[in-house]
Amino acid sequence: MAGEVFAKIVELISTKKGVAPDLITMDSSFESLGMDSLDAVELVSDLEEVFNVNIPNAELHHFKTIRQAAQGLEKAIAQ
């Protein structure tokens, strides 16, 4: 599942922000990819829709990197 989640994150960031997929790593911060907090919230919202899960808003503020977002999403999927 981790690979699928990461691949979807890369796809969405690449499509929405125009970032080359090879520049996106698990340790990339949203800021380093040119994303602000609103972009990150929109990304998580898109991911929630794709994977049919809900991530509590309180957790969203802790997502600073792709890894943190992927782990939060995987946790939500597992529940």
C-alpha atoms as a PDB file:
ATOM      1  CA  MET A   1       0.000   0.000   0.000  1.00  0.00           C
ATOM      2  CA  ALA A   2       2.839   2.406   0.787  1.00  0.00           C
ATOM      3  CA  GLY A   3       4.013   2.390  -2.819  1.00  0.00           C
ATOM      4  CA  GLU A   4       0.498   3.044  -4.082  1.00  0.00           C
ATOM      5  CA  VAL A   5      -0.007   5.942  -1.674  1.00  0.00           C
ATOM      6  CA  PHE A   6       3.345   7.512  -2.591  1.00  0.00           C
ATOM      7  CA  ALA A   7       2.661   7.082  -6.316  1.00  0.00           C
ATOM      8  CA  LYS A   8      -0.705   8.816  -5.997  1.00  0.00           C
ATOM      9  CA  ILE A   9       0.834  11.681  -4.009  1.00  0.00           C
ATOM     10  CA  VAL A  10       3.517  12.128  -6.671  1.00  0.00           C
ATOM     11  CA  GLU A  11       0.889  12.044  -9.425  1.00  0.00           C
ATOM     12  CA  LEU A  12      -1.297  14.672  -7.743  1.00  0.00           C
ATOM     13  CA  ILE A  13       1.572  17.046  -6.918  1.00  0.00           C
ATOM     14  CA  SER A  14       3.012  16.682 -10.382  1.00  0.00           C
ATOM     15  CA  THR A  15      -0.342  17.343 -12.032  1.00  0.00           C
ATOM     16  CA  LYS A  16      -1.537  20.165  -9.777  1.00  0.00           C
ATOM     17  CA  LYS A  17       1.741  21.970  -9.100  1.00  0.00           C
ATOM     18  CA  GLY A  18       3.737  21.094 -12.210  1.00  0.00           C
ATOM     19  CA  VAL A  19       6.582  19.560 -10.220  1.00  0.00           C
ATOM     20  CA  ALA A  20       8.608  16.936 -12.105  1.00  0.00           C
ATOM     21  CA  PRO A  21       7.873  13.525 -10.545  1.00  0.00           C
ATOM     22  CA  ASP A  22      11.566  12.686 -10.210  1.00  0.00           C
ATOM     23  CA  LEU A  23      12.005  15.691  -7.883  1.00  0.00           C
ATOM     24  CA  ILE A  24       9.450  14.366  -5.383  1.00  0.00           C
ATOM     25  CA  THR A  25      10.798  12.079  -2.665  1.00  0.00           C
ATOM     26  CA  MET A  26       9.348  10.734   0.562  1.00  0.00           C
ATOM     27  CA  ASP A  27      11.404  13.304   2.457  1.00  0.00           C
ATOM     28  CA  SER A  28      10.394  16.284   0.313  1.00  0.00           C
ATOM     29  CA  SER A  29       8.650  18.959   2.306  1.00  0.00           C
ATOM     30  CA  PHE A  30       5.551  20.546   0.858  1.00  0.00           C
ATOM     31  CA  GLU A  31       7.333  23.885   1.103  1.00  0.00           C
ATOM     32  CA  SER A  32      10.313  22.653  -0.930  1.00  0.00           C
ATOM     33  CA  LEU A  33       7.863  21.612  -3.656  1.00  0.00           C
ATOM     34  CA  GLY A  34       6.387  25.113  -3.823  1.00  0.00           C
ATOM     35  CA  MET A  35       3.268  24.197  -1.872  1.00  0.00           C
ATOM     36  CA  ASP A  36       1.740  26.311   0.850  1.00  0.00           C
ATOM     37  CA  SER A  37      -0.516  25.058   3.645  1.00  0.00           C
ATOM     38  CA  LEU A  38      -3.652  25.443   1.519  1.00  0.00           C
ATOM     39  CA  ASP A  39      -2.073  23.336  -1.248  1.00  0.00           C
ATOM     40  CA  ALA A  40      -1.222  20.639   1.303  1.00  0.00           C
ATOM     41  CA  VAL A  41      -4.788  20.609   2.672  1.00  0.00           C
ATOM     42  CA  GLU A  42      -6.169  20.340  -0.870  1.00  0.00           C
ATOM     43  CA  LEU A  43      -3.774  17.474  -1.608  1.00  0.00           C
ATOM     44  CA  VAL A  44      -4.883  15.567   1.482  1.00  0.00           C
ATOM     45  CA  SER A  45      -8.516  16.218   0.578  1.00  0.00           C
ATOM     46  CA  ASP A  46      -7.900  14.763  -2.890  1.00  0.00           C
ATOM     47  CA  LEU A  47      -6.174  11.750  -1.344  1.00  0.00           C
ATOM     48  CA  GLU A  48      -9.045  11.216   1.090  1.00  0.00           C
ATOM     49  CA  GLU A  49     -11.399  11.106  -1.875  1.00  0.00           C
ATOM     50  CA  VAL A  50      -9.204   8.743  -3.915  1.00  0.00           C
ATOM     51  CA  PHE A  51      -8.745   6.289  -1.027  1.00  0.00           C
ATOM     52  CA  ASN A  52     -12.219   6.845   0.519  1.00  0.00           C
ATOM     53  CA  VAL A  53     -10.897   7.704   3.990  1.00  0.00           C
ATOM     54  CA  ASN A  54     -11.061  10.616   6.408  1.00  0.00           C
ATOM     55  CA  ILE A  55      -8.039  12.135   8.110  1.00  0.00           C
ATOM     56  CA  PRO A  56      -8.909  14.271  11.158  1.00  0.00           C
ATOM     57  CA  ASN A  57      -8.134  17.953  10.667  1.00  0.00           C
ATOM     58  CA  ALA A  58      -6.049  17.949  13.855  1.00  0.00           C
ATOM     59  CA  GLU A  59      -3.581  15.595  12.156  1.00  0.00           C
ATOM     60  CA  LEU A  60      -3.267  17.677   8.987  1.00  0.00           C
ATOM     61  CA  HIS A  61      -1.178  20.335  10.722  1.00  0.00           C
ATOM     62  CA  HIS A  62       1.509  17.730  11.452  1.00  0.00           C
ATOM     63  CA  PHE A  63       2.024  16.907   7.774  1.00  0.00           C
ATOM     64  CA  LYS A  64       5.118  18.797   6.663  1.00  0.00           C
ATOM     65  CA  THR A  65       6.645  16.165   4.375  1.00  0.00           C
ATOM     66  CA  ILE A  66       5.423  13.649   1.833  1.00  0.00           C
ATOM     67  CA  ARG A  67       6.397  10.860   4.250  1.00  0.00           C
ATOM     68  CA  GLN A  68       4.219  12.303   7.018  1.00  0.00           C
ATOM     69  CA  ALA A  69       1.258  12.670   4.662  1.00  0.00           C
ATOM     70  CA  ALA A  70       1.717   9.127   3.339  1.00  0.00           C
ATOM     71  CA  GLN A  71       1.961   7.696   6.855  1.00  0.00           C
ATOM     72  CA  GLY A  72      -1.159   9.576   7.952  1.00  0.00           C
ATOM     73  CA  LEU A  73      -3.041   8.335   4.934  1.00  0.00           C
ATOM     74  CA  GLU A  74      -1.868   4.756   5.437  1.00  0.00           C
ATOM     75  CA  LYS A  75      -2.990   4.940   9.065  1.00  0.00           C
ATOM     76  CA  ALA A  76      -6.443   6.124   7.969  1.00  0.00           C
ATOM     77  CA  ILE A  77      -6.670   3.369   5.339  1.00  0.00           C
ATOM     78  CA  ALA A  78      -5.769   0.709   7.919  1.00  0.00           C
ATOM     79  CA  GLN A  79      -8.633   1.724  10.216  1.00  0.00           C
END
